[in-house]
Amino acid sequence: MSKGPNGEEPAPVSVAELSNDDVTKIKALGAKAAIVMHYGGNDWANAQIAGLKSEFSRLGINLIATTDANFKPDKQVSDLETVMTQKPNIVVSIPTDPVATASAYKKAAADGAKLVFMDNVPQGLTAGKDYVSVVSADNYGNGVVSAHQMAKALGGKGKIGMIFHEADFFVTKQRYQGFKDTITKDYPDIKIVEEKGIAGPDFAGDAQSAANAMLSKYADLSGIWAVWDVPAEGVMAAARAAGRTDLKIATEDLGKNVAIALAKNELVVGLGAQVPFDQGVTEARLGALALLGKTPPAYVALSAVPVDHNNVLESWKQVYHEDAPKDIQDSFKK
């Protein structure tokens, strides 16, 4: 359902497939790659990096650096400048701030790096000229999925709050819009009574404070939507502290803690998941195609995966390409 950052129609993941001949040519290049993250340590980032590492290894591309900016634009600019001294042929990155980082990415492109972006594109950069492509989940679709899950859990009526990402961040804005549009249009008896933005970097803590305020203000609040799994963890903490184990929480991204809540059938009622491992593989392939002089589509999107209590274990395997960890499996209530 999503359009790209500049309104592009989404291309399917199949556009990044490599022939045996392509793989042979790429291996012969002895290319180098770097990953410049916005922030790491979460399940989504770990899976993206795992997918990238796996595919770079298969293609004989040497991964020379993986950096973590802790959501600080100045740190990311510094990381990118440091990485570029090693002259990588491919840089895969997700900008923390599309304006503050733009000139650093433009310089990296001018210095010859093939840039492939996850989710977000720096301002003023042009696909096919400054960067290869942007790869994303269908984030608007993820928002739509979580709206339907929330509505189902509420029986189509009630008061809810929304906790959104207070930043110029393309994908989190799309999730917010997908959720809000769907609730507003399809479920007239569900009222969004409050929206609060969080800017981080303590996204769980900020979301907990926002949820505390909502729960204090509205004794009859039935549900809260959180923009991704880490803020949702903060909402869970607030619900437990308030004794509101009946609160319905919907979110995006299949992180471990929300997966455990889904497995237990507690608090979290459903989410729209990305497939970050597959996104990482796709990003690596698009960068490799660019090294062969090919011009992939500007925007490639991978479909949202609806996850609820019933399919959480199967969904984990689909998202991460491995069985759910034992603590998630042990938490599952039949």
C-alpha atoms as a PDB file:
ATOM      1  CA  MET A   1       0.000   0.000   0.000  1.00  0.00           C
ATOM      2  CA  SER A   2       2.941   2.356   0.526  1.00  0.00           C
ATOM      3  CA  LYS A   3       4.345   4.767  -2.006  1.00  0.00           C
ATOM      4  CA  GLY A   4       8.053   5.628  -1.899  1.00  0.00           C
ATOM      5  CA  PRO A   5       9.543   8.718  -0.184  1.00  0.00           C
ATOM      6  CA  ASN A   6       9.033  10.752  -3.375  1.00  0.00           C
ATOM      7  CA  GLY A   7       5.713   9.168  -4.327  1.00  0.00           C
ATOM      8  CA  GLU A   8       7.246   6.274  -6.284  1.00  0.00           C
ATOM      9  CA  GLU A   9       5.205   3.178  -7.032  1.00  0.00           C
ATOM     10  CA  PRO A  10       6.625   0.165  -5.147  1.00  0.00           C
ATOM     11  CA  ALA A  11       8.577  -2.431  -7.122  1.00  0.00           C
ATOM     12  CA  PRO A  12       8.469  -6.066  -5.915  1.00  0.00           C
ATOM     13  CA  VAL A  13      11.460  -7.740  -4.305  1.00  0.00           C
ATOM     14  CA  SER A  14      11.917  -9.910  -7.426  1.00  0.00           C
ATOM     15  CA  VAL A  15      13.590  -6.939  -9.195  1.00  0.00           C
ATOM     16  CA  ALA A  16      16.680  -7.580  -7.038  1.00  0.00           C
ATOM     17  CA  GLU A  17      17.195 -11.187  -8.076  1.00  0.00           C
ATOM     18  CA  LEU A  18      20.685 -12.023  -9.340  1.00  0.00           C
ATOM     19  CA  SER A  19      21.531 -14.543 -12.053  1.00  0.00           C
ATOM     20  CA  ASN A  20      24.427 -16.983 -11.630  1.00  0.00           C
ATOM     21  CA  ASP A  21      26.312 -14.874 -14.172  1.00  0.00           C
ATOM     22  CA  ASP A  22      25.693 -11.727 -12.063  1.00  0.00           C
ATOM     23  CA  VAL A  23      27.010 -13.467  -8.941  1.00  0.00           C
ATOM     24  CA  THR A  24      30.174 -14.601 -10.756  1.00  0.00           C
ATOM     25  CA  LYS A  25      30.833 -11.050 -11.998  1.00  0.00           C
ATOM     26  CA  ILE A  26      30.212  -9.520  -8.554  1.00  0.00           C
ATOM     27  CA  LYS A  27      32.572 -11.973  -6.846  1.00  0.00           C
ATOM     28  CA  ALA A  28      35.303 -11.019  -9.323  1.00  0.00           C
ATOM     29  CA  LEU A  29      35.097  -7.332  -8.324  1.00  0.00           C
ATOM     30  CA  GLY A  30      36.548  -7.758  -4.818  1.00  0.00           C
ATOM     31  CA  ALA A  31      34.117  -5.077  -3.645  1.00  0.00           C
ATOM     32  CA  LYS A  32      33.830  -3.555  -0.156  1.00  0.00           C
ATOM     33  CA  ALA A  33      30.668  -2.543   1.698  1.00  0.00           C
ATOM     34  CA  ALA A  34      29.743  -0.676   4.884  1.00  0.00           C
ATOM     35  CA  ILE A  35      26.550  -0.490   6.948  1.00  0.00           C
ATOM     36  CA  VAL A  36      25.777   2.872   8.606  1.00  0.00           C
ATOM     37  CA  MET A  37      22.824   2.419  10.989  1.00  0.00           C
ATOM     38  CA  HIS A  38      20.604   5.021  12.677  1.00  0.00           C
ATOM     39  CA  TYR A  39      20.571   2.982  15.870  1.00  0.00           C
ATOM     40  CA  GLY A  40      21.248  -0.654  16.628  1.00  0.00           C
ATOM     41  CA  GLY A  41      20.809  -3.310  19.261  1.00  0.00           C
ATOM     42  CA  ASN A  42      17.098  -3.870  18.585  1.00  0.00           C
ATOM     43  CA  ASP A  43      15.666  -6.956  16.884  1.00  0.00           C
ATOM     44  CA  TRP A  44      14.843  -5.099  13.659  1.00  0.00           C
ATOM     45  CA  ALA A  45      18.356  -3.669  13.224  1.00  0.00           C
ATOM     46  CA  ASN A  46      19.983  -6.978  14.156  1.00  0.00           C
ATOM     47  CA  ALA A  47      17.912  -8.817  11.531  1.00  0.00           C
ATOM     48  CA  GLN A  48      18.656  -6.216   8.823  1.00  0.00           C
ATOM     49  CA  ILE A  49      22.375  -6.520   9.539  1.00  0.00           C
ATOM     50  CA  ALA A  50      22.156 -10.335   9.569  1.00  0.00           C
ATOM     51  CA  GLY A  51      20.481 -10.313   6.135  1.00  0.00           C
ATOM     52  CA  LEU A  52      23.078  -7.909   4.745  1.00  0.00           C
ATOM     53  CA  LYS A  53      26.007  -9.904   6.154  1.00  0.00           C
ATOM     54  CA  SER A  54      24.589 -13.149   4.807  1.00  0.00           C
ATOM     55  CA  GLU A  55      24.152 -11.812   1.282  1.00  0.00           C
ATOM     56  CA  PHE A  56      27.410  -9.831   1.154  1.00  0.00           C
ATOM     57  CA  SER A  57      29.218 -13.007   2.199  1.00  0.00           C
ATOM     58  CA  ARG A  58      27.470 -15.018  -0.528  1.00  0.00           C
ATOM     59  CA  LEU A  59      28.471 -12.404  -3.119  1.00  0.00           C
ATOM     60  CA  GLY A  60      32.110 -12.195  -2.012  1.00  0.00           C
ATOM     61  CA  ILE A  61      31.705  -8.565  -0.896  1.00  0.00           C
ATOM     62  CA  ASN A  62      33.879  -7.646   2.088  1.00  0.00           C
ATOM     63  CA  LEU A  63      31.953  -5.906   4.893  1.00  0.00           C
ATOM     64  CA  ILE A  64      34.458  -3.411   6.305  1.00  0.00           C
ATOM     65  CA  ALA A  65      32.333  -1.558   8.907  1.00  0.00           C
ATOM     66  CA  THR A  66      28.998  -1.530  10.746  1.00  0.00           C
ATOM     67  CA  THR A  67      28.236   1.644  12.715  1.00  0.00           C
ATOM     68  CA  ASP A  68      25.527   2.722  15.197  1.00  0.00           C
ATOM     69  CA  ALA A  69      24.655   6.434  15.542  1.00  0.00           C
ATOM     70  CA  ASN A  70      22.316   6.003  18.543  1.00  0.00           C
ATOM     71  CA  PHE A  71      19.792   8.161  16.644  1.00  0.00           C
ATOM     72  CA  LYS A  72      22.129  11.191  16.722  1.00  0.00           C
ATOM     73  CA  PRO A  73      22.512  12.890  13.303  1.00  0.00           C
ATOM     74  CA  ASP A  74      25.929  14.424  14.115  1.00  0.00           C
ATOM     75  CA  LYS A  75      27.249  11.003  15.175  1.00  0.00           C
ATOM     76  CA  GLN A  76      25.929   9.464  11.951  1.00  0.00           C
ATOM     77  CA  VAL A  77      27.597  12.142   9.823  1.00  0.00           C
ATOM     78  CA  SER A  78      30.868  11.428  11.637  1.00  0.00           C
ATOM     79  CA  ASP A  79      30.370   7.650  11.195  1.00  0.00           C
ATOM     80  CA  LEU A  80      29.783   8.097   7.474  1.00  0.00           C
ATOM     81  CA  GLU A  81      32.855  10.311   7.051  1.00  0.00           C
ATOM     82  CA  THR A  82      35.016   7.783   8.912  1.00  0.00           C
ATOM     83  CA  VAL A  83      33.669   4.874   6.871  1.00  0.00           C
ATOM     84  CA  MET A  84      34.305   6.720   3.592  1.00  0.00           C
ATOM     85  CA  THR A  85      38.044   6.960   4.356  1.00  0.00           C
ATOM     86  CA  GLN A  86      38.089   3.178   3.693  1.00  0.00           C
ATOM     87  CA  LYS A  87      36.565   3.720   0.231  1.00  0.00           C
ATOM     88  CA  PRO A  88      33.627   1.274   0.321  1.00  0.00           C
ATOM     89  CA  ASN A  89      31.988   0.514  -3.024  1.00  0.00           C
ATOM     90  CA  ILE A  90      28.559   0.109  -1.379  1.00  0.00           C
ATOM     91  CA  VAL A  91      27.102   1.914   1.639  1.00  0.00           C
ATOM     92  CA  VAL A  92      23.805   0.651   3.055  1.00  0.00           C
ATOM     93  CA  SER A  93      22.293   3.096   5.506  1.00  0.00           C
ATOM     94  CA  ILE A  94      19.210   4.531   7.168  1.00  0.00           C
ATOM     95  CA  PRO A  95      19.487   8.282   7.836  1.00  0.00           C
ATOM     96  CA  THR A  96      18.613   9.475  11.348  1.00  0.00           C
ATOM     97  CA  ASP A  97      17.454  12.843  10.005  1.00  0.00           C
ATOM     98  CA  PRO A  98      16.821  13.467   6.295  1.00  0.00           C
ATOM     99  CA  VAL A  99      17.973  17.103   6.435  1.00  0.00           C
ATOM    100  CA  ALA A 100      20.909  17.067   8.885  1.00  0.00           C
ATOM    101  CA  THR A 101      22.634  14.123   7.164  1.00  0.00           C
ATOM    102  CA  ALA A 102      21.928  15.038   3.525  1.00  0.00           C
ATOM    103  CA  SER A 103      25.203  16.784   2.644  1.00  0.00           C
ATOM    104  CA  ALA A 104      27.291  13.917   4.103  1.00  0.00           C
ATOM    105  CA  TYR A 105      25.427  11.358   1.985  1.00  0.00           C
ATOM    106  CA  LYS A 106      25.719  13.589  -1.086  1.00  0.00           C
ATOM    107  CA  LYS A 107      29.484  13.738  -0.576  1.00  0.00           C
ATOM    108  CA  ALA A 108      29.683   9.942  -0.131  1.00  0.00           C
ATOM    109  CA  ALA A 109      27.839   9.513  -3.439  1.00  0.00           C
ATOM    110  CA  ALA A 110      30.158  12.013  -5.147  1.00  0.00           C
ATOM    111  CA  ASP A 111      33.123  10.022  -3.794  1.00  0.00           C
ATOM    112  CA  GLY A 112      31.854   6.968  -5.673  1.00  0.00           C
ATOM    113  CA  ALA A 113      29.901   4.919  -3.107  1.00  0.00           C
ATOM    114  CA  LYS A 114      26.737   3.207  -4.313  1.00  0.00           C
ATOM    115  CA  LEU A 115      24.196   4.218  -1.658  1.00  0.00           C
ATOM    116  CA  VAL A 116      21.274   1.931  -0.810  1.00  0.00           C
ATOM    117  CA  PHE A 117      18.853   3.198   1.818  1.00  0.00           C
ATOM    118  CA  MET A 118      16.635   1.401   4.309  1.00  0.00           C
ATOM    119  CA  ASP A 119      13.262   3.083   4.669  1.00  0.00           C
ATOM    120  CA  ASN A 120      14.274   6.745   4.632  1.00  0.00           C
ATOM    121  CA  VAL A 121      16.023   8.978   2.050  1.00  0.00           C
ATOM    122  CA  PRO A 122      18.036  12.146   2.777  1.00  0.00           C
ATOM    123  CA  GLN A 123      16.525  15.349   1.469  1.00  0.00           C
ATOM    124  CA  GLY A 124      17.577  16.526  -1.991  1.00  0.00           C
ATOM    125  CA  LEU A 125      19.094  13.215  -3.161  1.00  0.00           C
ATOM    126  CA  THR A 126      17.893  11.764  -6.458  1.00  0.00           C
ATOM    127  CA  ALA A 127      17.440   8.062  -7.202  1.00  0.00           C
ATOM    128  CA  GLY A 128      19.625   6.819 -10.062  1.00  0.00           C
ATOM    129  CA  LYS A 129      21.980   9.777  -9.576  1.00  0.00           C
ATOM    130  CA  ASP A 130      22.853  10.133  -5.865  1.00  0.00           C
ATOM    131  CA  TYR A 131      21.598   6.760  -4.650  1.00  0.00           C
ATOM    132  CA  VAL A 132      20.641   3.372  -6.044  1.00  0.00           C
ATOM    133  CA  SER A 133      17.335   2.602  -4.355  1.00  0.00           C
ATOM    134  CA  VAL A 134      15.429   2.606  -1.080  1.00  0.00           C
ATOM    135  CA  VAL A 135      14.110  -0.662   0.379  1.00  0.00           C
ATOM    136  CA  SER A 136      11.253  -0.627   2.824  1.00  0.00           C
ATOM    137  CA  ALA A 137       8.520  -2.639   4.389  1.00  0.00           C
ATOM    138  CA  ASP A 138       5.022  -1.625   3.358  1.00  0.00           C
ATOM    139  CA  ASN A 139       4.790   0.697   6.354  1.00  0.00           C
ATOM    140  CA  TYR A 140       1.434   2.210   5.473  1.00  0.00           C
ATOM    141  CA  GLY A 141       0.196  -1.383   5.133  1.00  0.00           C
ATOM    142  CA  ASN A 142       1.725  -2.223   8.523  1.00  0.00           C
ATOM    143  CA  GLY A 143      -0.324   0.594  10.048  1.00  0.00           C
ATOM    144  CA  VAL A 144      -3.469  -0.691   8.331  1.00  0.00           C
ATOM    145  CA  VAL A 145      -2.830  -4.226   9.646  1.00  0.00           C
ATOM    146  CA  SER A 146      -2.417  -3.032  13.245  1.00  0.00           C
ATOM    147  CA  ALA A 147      -5.601  -0.911  12.976  1.00  0.00           C
ATOM    148  CA  HIS A 148      -7.689  -3.919  11.972  1.00  0.00           C
ATOM    149  CA  GLN A 149      -6.133  -5.972  14.772  1.00  0.00           C
ATOM    150  CA  MET A 150      -6.900  -3.264  17.339  1.00  0.00           C
ATOM    151  CA  ALA A 151     -10.488  -2.977  16.073  1.00  0.00           C
ATOM    152  CA  LYS A 152     -10.999  -6.742  16.227  1.00  0.00           C
ATOM    153  CA  ALA A 153      -9.708  -6.878  19.813  1.00  0.00           C
ATOM    154  CA  LEU A 154     -12.043  -4.004  20.805  1.00  0.00           C
ATOM    155  CA  GLY A 155     -15.081  -5.435  19.073  1.00  0.00           C
ATOM    156  CA  GLY A 156     -15.179  -2.320  16.886  1.00  0.00           C
ATOM    157  CA  LYS A 157     -15.788   0.241  19.660  1.00  0.00           C
ATOM    158  CA  GLY A 158     -13.980   2.135  22.401  1.00  0.00           C
ATOM    159  CA  LYS A 159     -11.575   4.989  23.139  1.00  0.00           C
ATOM    160  CA  ILE A 160      -7.928   4.682  22.143  1.00  0.00           C
ATOM    161  CA  GLY A 161      -4.717   6.669  22.290  1.00  0.00           C
ATOM    162  CA  MET A 162      -1.856   6.865  19.789  1.00  0.00           C
ATOM    163  CA  ILE A 163       1.852   7.204  20.528  1.00  0.00           C
ATOM    164  CA  PHE A 164       3.709   8.334  17.414  1.00  0.00           C
ATOM    165  CA  HIS A 165       7.307   9.134  16.457  1.00  0.00           C
ATOM    166  CA  GLU A 166       7.841  12.890  16.701  1.00  0.00           C
ATOM    167  CA  ALA A 167      10.385  13.200  13.884  1.00  0.00           C
ATOM    168  CA  ASP A 168      10.630  13.775  10.140  1.00  0.00           C
ATOM    169  CA  PHE A 169      10.950  10.049   9.546  1.00  0.00           C
ATOM    170  CA  PHE A 170       9.211   8.780   6.437  1.00  0.00           C
ATOM    171  CA  VAL A 171       8.343   5.245   7.510  1.00  0.00           C
ATOM    172  CA  THR A 172       7.062   6.022  10.993  1.00  0.00           C
ATOM    173  CA  LYS A 173       4.834   8.750   9.535  1.00  0.00           C
ATOM    174  CA  GLN A 174       3.446   6.184   7.076  1.00  0.00           C
ATOM    175  CA  ARG A 175       2.603   3.726   9.868  1.00  0.00           C
ATOM    176  CA  TYR A 176       0.839   6.461  11.803  1.00  0.00           C
ATOM    177  CA  GLN A 177      -1.147   7.471   8.731  1.00  0.00           C
ATOM    178  CA  GLY A 178      -2.066   3.886   7.846  1.00  0.00           C
ATOM    179  CA  PHE A 179      -3.362   3.229  11.355  1.00  0.00           C
ATOM    180  CA  LYS A 180      -5.205   6.524  11.759  1.00  0.00           C
ATOM    181  CA  ASP A 181      -6.792   6.486   8.281  1.00  0.00           C
ATOM    182  CA  THR A 182      -8.084   2.942   8.796  1.00  0.00           C
ATOM    183  CA  ILE A 183      -9.542   3.548  12.262  1.00  0.00           C
ATOM    184  CA  THR A 184     -11.159   6.823  11.130  1.00  0.00           C
ATOM    185  CA  LYS A 185     -12.660   5.461   7.916  1.00  0.00           C
ATOM    186  CA  ASP A 186     -13.563   1.881   8.838  1.00  0.00           C
ATOM    187  CA  TYR A 187     -14.412   2.037  12.550  1.00  0.00           C
ATOM    188  CA  PRO A 188     -16.634   5.044  13.419  1.00  0.00           C
ATOM    189  CA  ASP A 189     -17.288   3.714  16.947  1.00  0.00           C
ATOM    190  CA  ILE A 190     -13.584   3.764  17.846  1.00  0.00           C
ATOM    191  CA  LYS A 191     -12.552   7.266  18.967  1.00  0.00           C
ATOM    192  CA  ILE A 192      -8.927   8.418  19.017  1.00  0.00           C
ATOM    193  CA  VAL A 193      -9.057  10.629  22.126  1.00  0.00           C
ATOM    194  CA  GLU A 194      -5.370  11.514  22.451  1.00  0.00           C
ATOM    195  CA  GLU A 195      -2.133  11.456  20.453  1.00  0.00           C
ATOM    196  CA  LYS A 196       1.313  11.937  21.960  1.00  0.00           C
ATOM    197  CA  GLY A 197       4.647  12.176  20.143  1.00  0.00           C
ATOM    198  CA  ILE A 198       7.924  10.756  21.421  1.00  0.00           C
ATOM    199  CA  ALA A 199      11.336  11.818  20.109  1.00  0.00           C
ATOM    200  CA  GLY A 200      13.703   9.424  21.929  1.00  0.00           C
ATOM    201  CA  PRO A 201      16.382   8.224  22.269  1.00  0.00           C
ATOM    202  CA  ASP A 202      14.709   6.538  25.300  1.00  0.00           C
ATOM    203  CA  PHE A 203      11.720   5.412  23.251  1.00  0.00           C
ATOM    204  CA  ALA A 204      10.443   2.878  25.803  1.00  0.00           C
ATOM    205  CA  GLY A 205      10.731   5.346  28.690  1.00  0.00           C
ATOM    206  CA  ASP A 206       9.143   8.194  26.733  1.00  0.00           C
ATOM    207  CA  ALA A 207       6.270   5.937  25.630  1.00  0.00           C
ATOM    208  CA  GLN A 208       5.746   4.761  29.205  1.00  0.00           C
ATOM    209  CA  SER A 209       5.406   8.379  30.367  1.00  0.00           C
ATOM    210  CA  ALA A 210       3.013   9.156  27.495  1.00  0.00           C
ATOM    211  CA  ALA A 211       0.907   6.070  28.252  1.00  0.00           C
ATOM    212  CA  ASN A 212       0.864   6.867  31.992  1.00  0.00           C
ATOM    213  CA  ALA A 213      -0.563  10.302  31.206  1.00  0.00           C
ATOM    214  CA  MET A 214      -3.217   8.855  28.884  1.00  0.00           C
ATOM    215  CA  LEU A 215      -4.293   6.188  31.380  1.00  0.00           C
ATOM    216  CA  SER A 216      -4.541   8.788  34.163  1.00  0.00           C
ATOM    217  CA  LYS A 217      -6.597  11.153  32.017  1.00  0.00           C
ATOM    218  CA  TYR A 218      -8.973   8.554  30.553  1.00  0.00           C
ATOM    219  CA  ALA A 219     -10.147   5.906  33.007  1.00  0.00           C
ATOM    220  CA  ASP A 220     -12.160   4.315  30.187  1.00  0.00           C
ATOM    221  CA  LEU A 221      -9.300   4.111  27.670  1.00  0.00           C
ATOM    222  CA  SER A 222      -9.567   0.744  25.906  1.00  0.00           C
ATOM    223  CA  GLY A 223      -6.406   0.639  23.806  1.00  0.00           C
ATOM    224  CA  ILE A 224      -3.136   2.322  22.829  1.00  0.00           C
ATOM    225  CA  TRP A 225      -1.320   2.081  19.512  1.00  0.00           C
ATOM    226  CA  ALA A 226       2.478   2.458  19.581  1.00  0.00           C
ATOM    227  CA  VAL A 227       4.559   3.218  16.506  1.00  0.00           C
ATOM    228  CA  TRP A 228       6.948   0.259  16.925  1.00  0.00           C
ATOM    229  CA  ASP A 229       7.763  -2.501  19.387  1.00  0.00           C
ATOM    230  CA  VAL A 230      10.176  -0.617  21.676  1.00  0.00           C
ATOM    231  CA  PRO A 231       7.627   2.144  22.478  1.00  0.00           C
ATOM    232  CA  ALA A 232       5.038  -0.646  22.854  1.00  0.00           C
ATOM    233  CA  GLU A 233       7.229  -2.108  25.628  1.00  0.00           C
ATOM    234  CA  GLY A 234       6.866   1.234  27.440  1.00  0.00           C
ATOM    235  CA  VAL A 235       3.081   1.084  27.020  1.00  0.00           C
ATOM    236  CA  MET A 236       3.068  -2.447  28.461  1.00  0.00           C
ATOM    237  CA  ALA A 237       5.034  -1.222  31.494  1.00  0.00           C
ATOM    238  CA  ALA A 238       2.559   1.637  32.020  1.00  0.00           C
ATOM    239  CA  ALA A 239      -0.426  -0.709  31.719  1.00  0.00           C
ATOM    240  CA  ARG A 240       1.025  -3.109  34.288  1.00  0.00           C
ATOM    241  CA  ALA A 241       1.865  -0.269  36.705  1.00  0.00           C
ATOM    242  CA  ALA A 242      -1.715   1.028  36.414  1.00  0.00           C
ATOM    243  CA  GLY A 243      -3.195  -2.439  36.888  1.00  0.00           C
ATOM    244  CA  ARG A 244      -4.661  -2.232  33.379  1.00  0.00           C
ATOM    245  CA  THR A 245      -3.973  -5.761  32.169  1.00  0.00           C
ATOM    246  CA  ASP A 246      -7.165  -5.415  30.063  1.00  0.00           C
ATOM    247  CA  LEU A 247      -5.597  -2.679  27.886  1.00  0.00           C
ATOM    248  CA  LYS A 248      -5.313  -3.589  24.191  1.00  0.00           C
ATOM    249  CA  ILE A 249      -1.983  -2.662  22.573  1.00  0.00           C
ATOM    250  CA  ALA A 250      -1.310  -2.782  18.838  1.00  0.00           C
ATOM    251  CA  THR A 251       2.023  -1.940  17.228  1.00  0.00           C
ATOM    252  CA  GLU A 252       4.504  -2.685  14.447  1.00  0.00           C
ATOM    253  CA  ASP A 253       7.662  -4.852  14.297  1.00  0.00           C
ATOM    254  CA  LEU A 254       8.038  -8.310  15.817  1.00  0.00           C
ATOM    255  CA  GLY A 255      10.527  -7.667  18.615  1.00  0.00           C
ATOM    256  CA  LYS A 256      11.171 -10.315  21.251  1.00  0.00           C
ATOM    257  CA  ASN A 257       9.338  -8.675  24.152  1.00  0.00           C
ATOM    258  CA  VAL A 258       6.149  -7.992  22.199  1.00  0.00           C
ATOM    259  CA  ALA A 259       6.388 -11.523  20.769  1.00  0.00           C
ATOM    260  CA  ILE A 260       6.413 -12.922  24.321  1.00  0.00           C
ATOM    261  CA  ALA A 261       3.356 -10.789  25.172  1.00  0.00           C
ATOM    262  CA  LEU A 262       1.582 -12.098  22.058  1.00  0.00           C
ATOM    263  CA  ALA A 263       2.541 -15.676  22.925  1.00  0.00           C
ATOM    264  CA  LYS A 264       1.119 -15.242  26.438  1.00  0.00           C
ATOM    265  CA  ASN A 265      -1.977 -13.507  25.013  1.00  0.00           C
ATOM    266  CA  GLU A 266      -1.316 -10.558  27.331  1.00  0.00           C
ATOM    267  CA  LEU A 267      -1.716  -6.844  26.499  1.00  0.00           C
ATOM    268  CA  VAL A 268      -0.421  -6.949  22.901  1.00  0.00           C
ATOM    269  CA  VAL A 269      -3.265  -7.975  20.577  1.00  0.00           C
ATOM    270  CA  GLY A 270      -1.477  -7.820  17.238  1.00  0.00           C
ATOM    271  CA  LEU A 271       1.053  -6.083  15.034  1.00  0.00           C
ATOM    272  CA  GLY A 272       2.185  -5.588  11.472  1.00  0.00           C
ATOM    273  CA  ALA A 273       5.672  -7.062  11.028  1.00  0.00           C
ATOM    274  CA  GLN A 274       8.386  -6.175   8.593  1.00  0.00           C
ATOM    275  CA  VAL A 275      10.704  -8.811   7.150  1.00  0.00           C
ATOM    276  CA  PRO A 276      14.029  -7.141   8.010  1.00  0.00           C
ATOM    277  CA  PHE A 277      16.288 -10.099   7.185  1.00  0.00           C
ATOM    278  CA  ASP A 278      14.816 -10.215   3.664  1.00  0.00           C
ATOM    279  CA  GLN A 279      15.103  -6.426   3.412  1.00  0.00           C
ATOM    280  CA  GLY A 280      18.817  -6.715   4.217  1.00  0.00           C
ATOM    281  CA  VAL A 281      19.311  -9.374   1.531  1.00  0.00           C
ATOM    282  CA  THR A 282      17.465  -7.162  -0.975  1.00  0.00           C
ATOM    283  CA  GLU A 283      19.568  -4.093  -0.100  1.00  0.00           C
ATOM    284  CA  ALA A 284      22.805  -6.038  -0.607  1.00  0.00           C
ATOM    285  CA  ARG A 285      21.581  -7.302  -3.993  1.00  0.00           C
ATOM    286  CA  LEU A 286      20.543  -3.847  -5.201  1.00  0.00           C
ATOM    287  CA  GLY A 287      23.969  -2.456  -4.288  1.00  0.00           C
ATOM    288  CA  ALA A 288      25.610  -5.343  -6.161  1.00  0.00           C
ATOM    289  CA  LEU A 289      23.442  -4.727  -9.256  1.00  0.00           C
ATOM    290  CA  ALA A 290      24.536  -1.085  -9.214  1.00  0.00           C
ATOM    291  CA  LEU A 291      28.195  -2.199  -9.221  1.00  0.00           C
ATOM    292  CA  LEU A 292      27.393  -4.090 -12.437  1.00  0.00           C
ATOM    293  CA  GLY A 293      26.121  -0.840 -13.985  1.00  0.00           C
ATOM    294  CA  LYS A 294      22.446  -1.735 -13.693  1.00  0.00           C
ATOM    295  CA  THR A 295      19.765   0.731 -12.588  1.00  0.00           C
ATOM    296  CA  PRO A 296      17.234  -0.872 -10.214  1.00  0.00           C
ATOM    297  CA  PRO A 297      13.848   0.758  -9.445  1.00  0.00           C
ATOM    298  CA  ALA A 298      13.973   3.693  -7.007  1.00  0.00           C
ATOM    299  CA  TYR A 299      11.704   2.064  -4.417  1.00  0.00           C
ATOM    300  CA  VAL A 300      11.339  -1.600  -3.496  1.00  0.00           C
ATOM    301  CA  ALA A 301       8.765  -2.667  -0.888  1.00  0.00           C
ATOM    302  CA  LEU A 302       8.212  -5.942   0.972  1.00  0.00           C
ATOM    303  CA  SER A 303       4.718  -6.821   2.175  1.00  0.00           C
ATOM    304  CA  ALA A 304       3.499  -6.479   5.758  1.00  0.00           C
ATOM    305  CA  VAL A 305       3.066  -9.655   7.801  1.00  0.00           C
ATOM    306  CA  PRO A 306       0.017  -9.635  10.130  1.00  0.00           C
ATOM    307  CA  VAL A 307       0.954 -11.216  13.486  1.00  0.00           C
ATOM    308  CA  ASP A 308      -1.343 -12.163  16.358  1.00  0.00           C
ATOM    309  CA  HIS A 309      -1.375 -14.719  19.186  1.00  0.00           C
ATOM    310  CA  ASN A 310      -2.275 -17.599  16.893  1.00  0.00           C
ATOM    311  CA  ASN A 311       0.569 -17.223  14.384  1.00  0.00           C
ATOM    312  CA  VAL A 312       3.341 -15.595  16.443  1.00  0.00           C
ATOM    313  CA  LEU A 313       5.678 -18.622  16.376  1.00  0.00           C
ATOM    314  CA  GLU A 314       5.311 -19.173  12.602  1.00  0.00           C
ATOM    315  CA  SER A 315       5.675 -15.437  11.982  1.00  0.00           C
ATOM    316  CA  TRP A 316       8.940 -15.292  13.951  1.00  0.00           C
ATOM    317  CA  LYS A 317      10.395 -17.912  11.610  1.00  0.00           C
ATOM    318  CA  GLN A 318       9.164 -15.992   8.551  1.00  0.00           C
ATOM    319  CA  VAL A 319      10.599 -12.687   9.810  1.00  0.00           C
ATOM    320  CA  TYR A 320      13.959 -13.856  11.205  1.00  0.00           C
ATOM    321  CA  HIS A 321      14.669 -17.042   9.216  1.00  0.00           C
ATOM    322  CA  GLU A 322      15.090 -19.040  12.415  1.00  0.00           C
ATOM    323  CA  ASP A 323      12.860 -20.721  14.996  1.00  0.00           C
ATOM    324  CA  ALA A 324      11.437 -18.549  17.760  1.00  0.00           C
ATOM    325  CA  PRO A 325      13.727 -18.478  20.814  1.00  0.00           C
ATOM    326  CA  LYS A 326      12.884 -20.948  23.581  1.00  0.00           C
ATOM    327  CA  ASP A 327      11.488 -18.279  25.925  1.00  0.00           C
ATOM    328  CA  ILE A 328       8.929 -17.240  23.295  1.00  0.00           C
ATOM    329  CA  GLN A 329       8.008 -20.860  22.583  1.00  0.00           C
ATOM    330  CA  ASP A 330       7.740 -21.600  26.329  1.00  0.00           C
ATOM    331  CA  SER A 331       5.486 -18.540  26.796  1.00  0.00           C
ATOM    332  CA  PHE A 332       2.930 -19.689  24.248  1.00  0.00           C
ATOM    333  CA  LYS A 333      -0.489 -20.335  25.766  1.00  0.00           C
ATOM    334  CA  LYS A 334      -2.602 -22.679  23.712  1.00  0.00           C
END
